Amino acid sequence: MNISNYFNFKNLNSKLIVILSTLGLLPFFLGLIDLLLNKNNLFFLINLPKYYGSIILTFLGSVYWGVALNYNHKNLVSEKIKTYIICWSIIPSLWSVLILIFNHNITIIILALCFIIVQFVDEFIIKHFKFPIWYLFLRRSLTIVVVLILIFSYYLVEEI
């Protein structure tokens, strides 16, 4: 399957989701640029990739809360999977709280690992729900970029 098949959108909302998701990388890049250029005198009062990443991680879990509430083909998914989905939907937010509670640089790497775990869960869950094929491709691409930015941010913060 070639890449153009991933982006065979059926409606304008699909295109909007891809555009907004891609634009959602901007705060990660702005935080990284701040760390690169202003190591000792940061423009942002926080490590923007870490804090914004925690918000996005929470959002990725909440997607499944919405799926559990609004899935049109509920009879095609077992009750056990639905229960797992509901429980799973809050786990990334709990991880985010723990990441933000601790003021240690290693939490940036832990956040990156959380994004990888969420991606693996997405890979599994998408088999049970009728997500569009482009969604998984989008999630993979964004996760790779976010994880690389977080790892790079960790090494920049270690130097400070």
C-alpha atoms as a PDB file:
ATOM      1  CA  MET A   1       0.000   0.000   0.000  1.00  0.00           C
ATOM      2  CA  ASN A   2       1.463   3.367  -0.951  1.00  0.00           C
ATOM      3  CA  ILE A   3       1.372   6.458   1.206  1.00  0.00           C
ATOM      4  CA  SER A   4      -1.362   8.179  -0.808  1.00  0.00           C
ATOM      5  CA  ASN A   5      -3.798   5.478   0.302  1.00  0.00           C
ATOM      6  CA  TYR A   6      -3.243   6.509   3.926  1.00  0.00           C
ATOM      7  CA  PHE A   7      -4.575   9.958   3.185  1.00  0.00           C
ATOM      8  CA  ASN A   8      -7.628   9.113   1.122  1.00  0.00           C
ATOM      9  CA  PHE A   9      -9.922  11.333   3.166  1.00  0.00           C
ATOM     10  CA  LYS A  10     -13.662  10.901   2.948  1.00  0.00           C
ATOM     11  CA  ASN A  11     -14.501  14.312   4.438  1.00  0.00           C
ATOM     12  CA  LEU A  12     -13.146  17.703   5.387  1.00  0.00           C
ATOM     13  CA  ASN A  13     -13.028  16.838   9.107  1.00  0.00           C
ATOM     14  CA  SER A  14     -10.414  14.160   8.439  1.00  0.00           C
ATOM     15  CA  LYS A  15      -8.184  16.723   6.737  1.00  0.00           C
ATOM     16  CA  LEU A  16      -8.769  19.142   9.610  1.00  0.00           C
ATOM     17  CA  ILE A  17      -7.728  16.497  12.146  1.00  0.00           C
ATOM     18  CA  VAL A  18      -4.462  15.892  10.291  1.00  0.00           C
ATOM     19  CA  ILE A  19      -3.732  19.617   9.979  1.00  0.00           C
ATOM     20  CA  LEU A  20      -4.497  20.394  13.637  1.00  0.00           C
ATOM     21  CA  SER A  21      -2.582  17.327  14.827  1.00  0.00           C
ATOM     22  CA  THR A  22       0.453  18.391  12.846  1.00  0.00           C
ATOM     23  CA  LEU A  23       0.169  21.963  14.104  1.00  0.00           C
ATOM     24  CA  GLY A  24       0.014  20.458  17.602  1.00  0.00           C
ATOM     25  CA  LEU A  25       3.725  19.732  17.214  1.00  0.00           C
ATOM     26  CA  LEU A  26       4.524  23.468  17.283  1.00  0.00           C
ATOM     27  CA  PRO A  27       4.695  23.795  21.100  1.00  0.00           C
ATOM     28  CA  PHE A  28       7.098  20.816  21.175  1.00  0.00           C
ATOM     29  CA  PHE A  29       9.312  22.519  18.592  1.00  0.00           C
ATOM     30  CA  LEU A  30       9.067  25.931  20.316  1.00  0.00           C
ATOM     31  CA  GLY A  31      10.097  24.367  23.624  1.00  0.00           C
ATOM     32  CA  LEU A  32      12.981  22.551  21.972  1.00  0.00           C
ATOM     33  CA  ILE A  33      14.169  25.742  20.257  1.00  0.00           C
ATOM     34  CA  ASP A  34      13.965  27.546  23.601  1.00  0.00           C
ATOM     35  CA  LEU A  35      16.102  24.849  25.202  1.00  0.00           C
ATOM     36  CA  LEU A  36      18.593  25.046  22.324  1.00  0.00           C
ATOM     37  CA  LEU A  37      18.953  28.814  22.189  1.00  0.00           C
ATOM     38  CA  ASN A  38      18.292  29.951  25.745  1.00  0.00           C
ATOM     39  CA  LYS A  39      19.740  27.189  27.909  1.00  0.00           C
ATOM     40  CA  ASN A  40      20.564  29.369  30.891  1.00  0.00           C
ATOM     41  CA  ASN A  41      17.826  31.956  30.459  1.00  0.00           C
ATOM     42  CA  LEU A  42      14.765  30.130  29.163  1.00  0.00           C
ATOM     43  CA  PHE A  43      12.022  32.201  27.570  1.00  0.00           C
ATOM     44  CA  PHE A  44       9.400  29.802  28.852  1.00  0.00           C
ATOM     45  CA  LEU A  45       9.262  29.411  32.630  1.00  0.00           C
ATOM     46  CA  ILE A  46       8.783  25.657  32.254  1.00  0.00           C
ATOM     47  CA  ASN A  47      10.202  22.866  30.183  1.00  0.00           C
ATOM     48  CA  LEU A  48       7.552  23.257  27.497  1.00  0.00           C
ATOM     49  CA  PRO A  49       8.062  19.842  25.830  1.00  0.00           C
ATOM     50  CA  LYS A  50       7.554  18.124  29.199  1.00  0.00           C
ATOM     51  CA  TYR A  51       4.460  20.049  30.273  1.00  0.00           C
ATOM     52  CA  TYR A  52       2.807  20.211  26.867  1.00  0.00           C
ATOM     53  CA  GLY A  53       3.690  16.543  26.319  1.00  0.00           C
ATOM     54  CA  SER A  54       1.897  15.658  29.552  1.00  0.00           C
ATOM     55  CA  ILE A  55      -1.210  17.468  28.333  1.00  0.00           C
ATOM     56  CA  ILE A  56      -1.093  15.664  24.988  1.00  0.00           C
ATOM     57  CA  LEU A  57      -0.541  12.310  26.709  1.00  0.00           C
ATOM     58  CA  THR A  58      -3.698  12.938  28.746  1.00  0.00           C
ATOM     59  CA  PHE A  59      -5.551  13.826  25.562  1.00  0.00           C
ATOM     60  CA  LEU A  60      -4.464  10.583  23.882  1.00  0.00           C
ATOM     61  CA  GLY A  61      -6.011   8.605  26.713  1.00  0.00           C
ATOM     62  CA  SER A  62      -9.195  10.643  26.660  1.00  0.00           C
ATOM     63  CA  VAL A  63      -9.696   9.743  23.007  1.00  0.00           C
ATOM     64  CA  TYR A  64     -10.650   6.265  24.200  1.00  0.00           C
ATOM     65  CA  TRP A  65     -13.085   7.627  26.763  1.00  0.00           C
ATOM     66  CA  GLY A  66     -14.854   9.248  23.824  1.00  0.00           C
ATOM     67  CA  VAL A  67     -14.633   6.049  21.796  1.00  0.00           C
ATOM     68  CA  ALA A  68     -16.209   4.073  24.624  1.00  0.00           C
ATOM     69  CA  LEU A  69     -19.063   6.570  24.881  1.00  0.00           C
ATOM     70  CA  ASN A  70     -19.744   7.093  21.201  1.00  0.00           C
ATOM     71  CA  TYR A  71     -18.737   3.981  19.297  1.00  0.00           C
ATOM     72  CA  ASN A  72     -21.451   3.195  16.716  1.00  0.00           C
ATOM     73  CA  HIS A  73     -20.662  -0.510  16.398  1.00  0.00           C
ATOM     74  CA  LYS A  74     -20.706  -1.353  20.116  1.00  0.00           C
ATOM     75  CA  ASN A  75     -22.140  -4.816  19.554  1.00  0.00           C
ATOM     76  CA  LEU A  76     -19.042  -5.768  17.523  1.00  0.00           C
ATOM     77  CA  VAL A  77     -16.722  -5.273  20.502  1.00  0.00           C
ATOM     78  CA  SER A  78     -16.782  -7.548  23.545  1.00  0.00           C
ATOM     79  CA  GLU A  79     -17.666  -6.174  26.971  1.00  0.00           C
ATOM     80  CA  LYS A  80     -14.205  -7.162  28.179  1.00  0.00           C
ATOM     81  CA  ILE A  81     -12.535  -4.964  25.530  1.00  0.00           C
ATOM     82  CA  LYS A  82     -14.922  -2.087  26.316  1.00  0.00           C
ATOM     83  CA  THR A  83     -14.014  -2.357  30.012  1.00  0.00           C
ATOM     84  CA  TYR A  84     -10.304  -2.330  29.169  1.00  0.00           C
ATOM     85  CA  ILE A  85     -10.815   0.717  26.947  1.00  0.00           C
ATOM     86  CA  ILE A  86     -12.580   2.657  29.696  1.00  0.00           C
ATOM     87  CA  CYS A  87      -9.884   1.765  32.231  1.00  0.00           C
ATOM     88  CA  TRP A  88      -7.115   2.499  29.745  1.00  0.00           C
ATOM     89  CA  SER A  89      -8.533   5.936  28.940  1.00  0.00           C
ATOM     90  CA  ILE A  90      -7.509   7.335  32.344  1.00  0.00           C
ATOM     91  CA  ILE A  91      -4.082   5.707  32.662  1.00  0.00           C
ATOM     92  CA  PRO A  92      -2.198   8.245  30.492  1.00  0.00           C
ATOM     93  CA  SER A  93      -3.602  11.097  32.597  1.00  0.00           C
ATOM     94  CA  LEU A  94      -2.411   9.371  35.784  1.00  0.00           C
ATOM     95  CA  TRP A  95       1.039   8.968  34.242  1.00  0.00           C
ATOM     96  CA  SER A  96       1.007  12.661  33.305  1.00  0.00           C
ATOM     97  CA  VAL A  97       0.238  13.695  36.870  1.00  0.00           C
ATOM     98  CA  LEU A  98       3.134  11.597  38.171  1.00  0.00           C
ATOM     99  CA  ILE A  99       5.466  13.024  35.533  1.00  0.00           C
ATOM    100  CA  LEU A 100       4.545  16.578  36.531  1.00  0.00           C
ATOM    101  CA  ILE A 101       4.740  15.912  40.280  1.00  0.00           C
ATOM    102  CA  PHE A 102       8.394  14.929  40.140  1.00  0.00           C
ATOM    103  CA  ASN A 103      10.924  17.618  39.279  1.00  0.00           C
ATOM    104  CA  HIS A 104      13.604  15.360  37.899  1.00  0.00           C
ATOM    105  CA  ASN A 105      14.955  15.370  34.356  1.00  0.00           C
ATOM    106  CA  ILE A 106      14.424  11.610  33.964  1.00  0.00           C
ATOM    107  CA  THR A 107      10.674  12.288  33.852  1.00  0.00           C
ATOM    108  CA  ILE A 108      11.182  13.580  30.300  1.00  0.00           C
ATOM    109  CA  ILE A 109      12.440  10.131  29.262  1.00  0.00           C
ATOM    110  CA  ILE A 110       9.599   8.494  31.187  1.00  0.00           C
ATOM    111  CA  LEU A 111       7.181  10.720  29.254  1.00  0.00           C
ATOM    112  CA  ALA A 112       8.740   9.566  25.985  1.00  0.00           C
ATOM    113  CA  LEU A 113       8.311   5.938  27.086  1.00  0.00           C
ATOM    114  CA  CYS A 114       4.666   6.663  27.933  1.00  0.00           C
ATOM    115  CA  PHE A 115       4.111   7.952  24.394  1.00  0.00           C
ATOM    116  CA  ILE A 116       5.598   4.726  23.036  1.00  0.00           C
ATOM    117  CA  ILE A 117       3.348   2.614  25.281  1.00  0.00           C
ATOM    118  CA  VAL A 118       0.283   4.605  24.189  1.00  0.00           C
ATOM    119  CA  GLN A 119       1.283   3.986  20.577  1.00  0.00           C
ATOM    120  CA  PHE A 120       1.506   0.232  21.183  1.00  0.00           C
ATOM    121  CA  VAL A 121      -1.938   0.303  22.785  1.00  0.00           C
ATOM    122  CA  ASP A 122      -3.267   2.232  19.790  1.00  0.00           C
ATOM    123  CA  GLU A 123      -1.824  -0.412  17.477  1.00  0.00           C
ATOM    124  CA  PHE A 124      -3.728  -3.090  19.401  1.00  0.00           C
ATOM    125  CA  ILE A 125      -6.981  -1.217  19.967  1.00  0.00           C
ATOM    126  CA  ILE A 126      -7.389  -0.052  16.394  1.00  0.00           C
ATOM    127  CA  LYS A 127      -7.943  -3.689  15.410  1.00  0.00           C
ATOM    128  CA  HIS A 128     -11.152  -3.726  17.462  1.00  0.00           C
ATOM    129  CA  PHE A 129     -12.570  -0.416  16.282  1.00  0.00           C
ATOM    130  CA  LYS A 130     -13.190   0.999  12.850  1.00  0.00           C
ATOM    131  CA  PHE A 131     -10.661   3.822  12.882  1.00  0.00           C
ATOM    132  CA  PRO A 132      -9.684   5.186   9.465  1.00  0.00           C
ATOM    133  CA  ILE A 133      -6.361   3.816   8.172  1.00  0.00           C
ATOM    134  CA  TRP A 134      -4.850   7.301   8.031  1.00  0.00           C
ATOM    135  CA  TYR A 135      -5.361   7.756  11.785  1.00  0.00           C
ATOM    136  CA  LEU A 136      -2.855   5.057  12.700  1.00  0.00           C
ATOM    137  CA  PHE A 137      -0.338   6.397  10.189  1.00  0.00           C
ATOM    138  CA  LEU A 138      -0.803   9.892  11.633  1.00  0.00           C
ATOM    139  CA  ARG A 139      -0.375   8.636  15.205  1.00  0.00           C
ATOM    140  CA  ARG A 140       2.783   6.727  14.289  1.00  0.00           C
ATOM    141  CA  SER A 141       4.315   9.765  12.592  1.00  0.00           C
ATOM    142  CA  LEU A 142       3.462  12.162  15.396  1.00  0.00           C
ATOM    143  CA  THR A 143       4.649   9.751  18.084  1.00  0.00           C
ATOM    144  CA  ILE A 144       8.032   9.359  16.406  1.00  0.00           C
ATOM    145  CA  VAL A 145       8.501  13.137  16.219  1.00  0.00           C
ATOM    146  CA  VAL A 146       7.341  13.709  19.814  1.00  0.00           C
ATOM    147  CA  VAL A 147       9.554  10.951  21.231  1.00  0.00           C
ATOM    148  CA  LEU A 148      12.598  12.303  19.377  1.00  0.00           C
ATOM    149  CA  ILE A 149      11.912  15.840  20.628  1.00  0.00           C
ATOM    150  CA  LEU A 150      11.510  14.590  24.201  1.00  0.00           C
ATOM    151  CA  ILE A 151      14.756  12.600  24.057  1.00  0.00           C
ATOM    152  CA  PHE A 152      16.604  15.565  22.589  1.00  0.00           C
ATOM    153  CA  SER A 153      15.048  17.845  25.249  1.00  0.00           C
ATOM    154  CA  TYR A 154      16.268  15.498  27.971  1.00  0.00           C
ATOM    155  CA  TYR A 155      19.850  15.792  26.768  1.00  0.00           C
ATOM    156  CA  LEU A 156      19.576  19.578  26.515  1.00  0.00           C
ATOM    157  CA  VAL A 157      18.134  19.827  30.046  1.00  0.00           C
ATOM    158  CA  GLU A 158      20.913  17.579  31.372  1.00  0.00           C
ATOM    159  CA  GLU A 159      23.464  20.128  30.153  1.00  0.00           C
ATOM    160  CA  ILE A 160      21.828  22.994  32.052  1.00  0.00           C
END
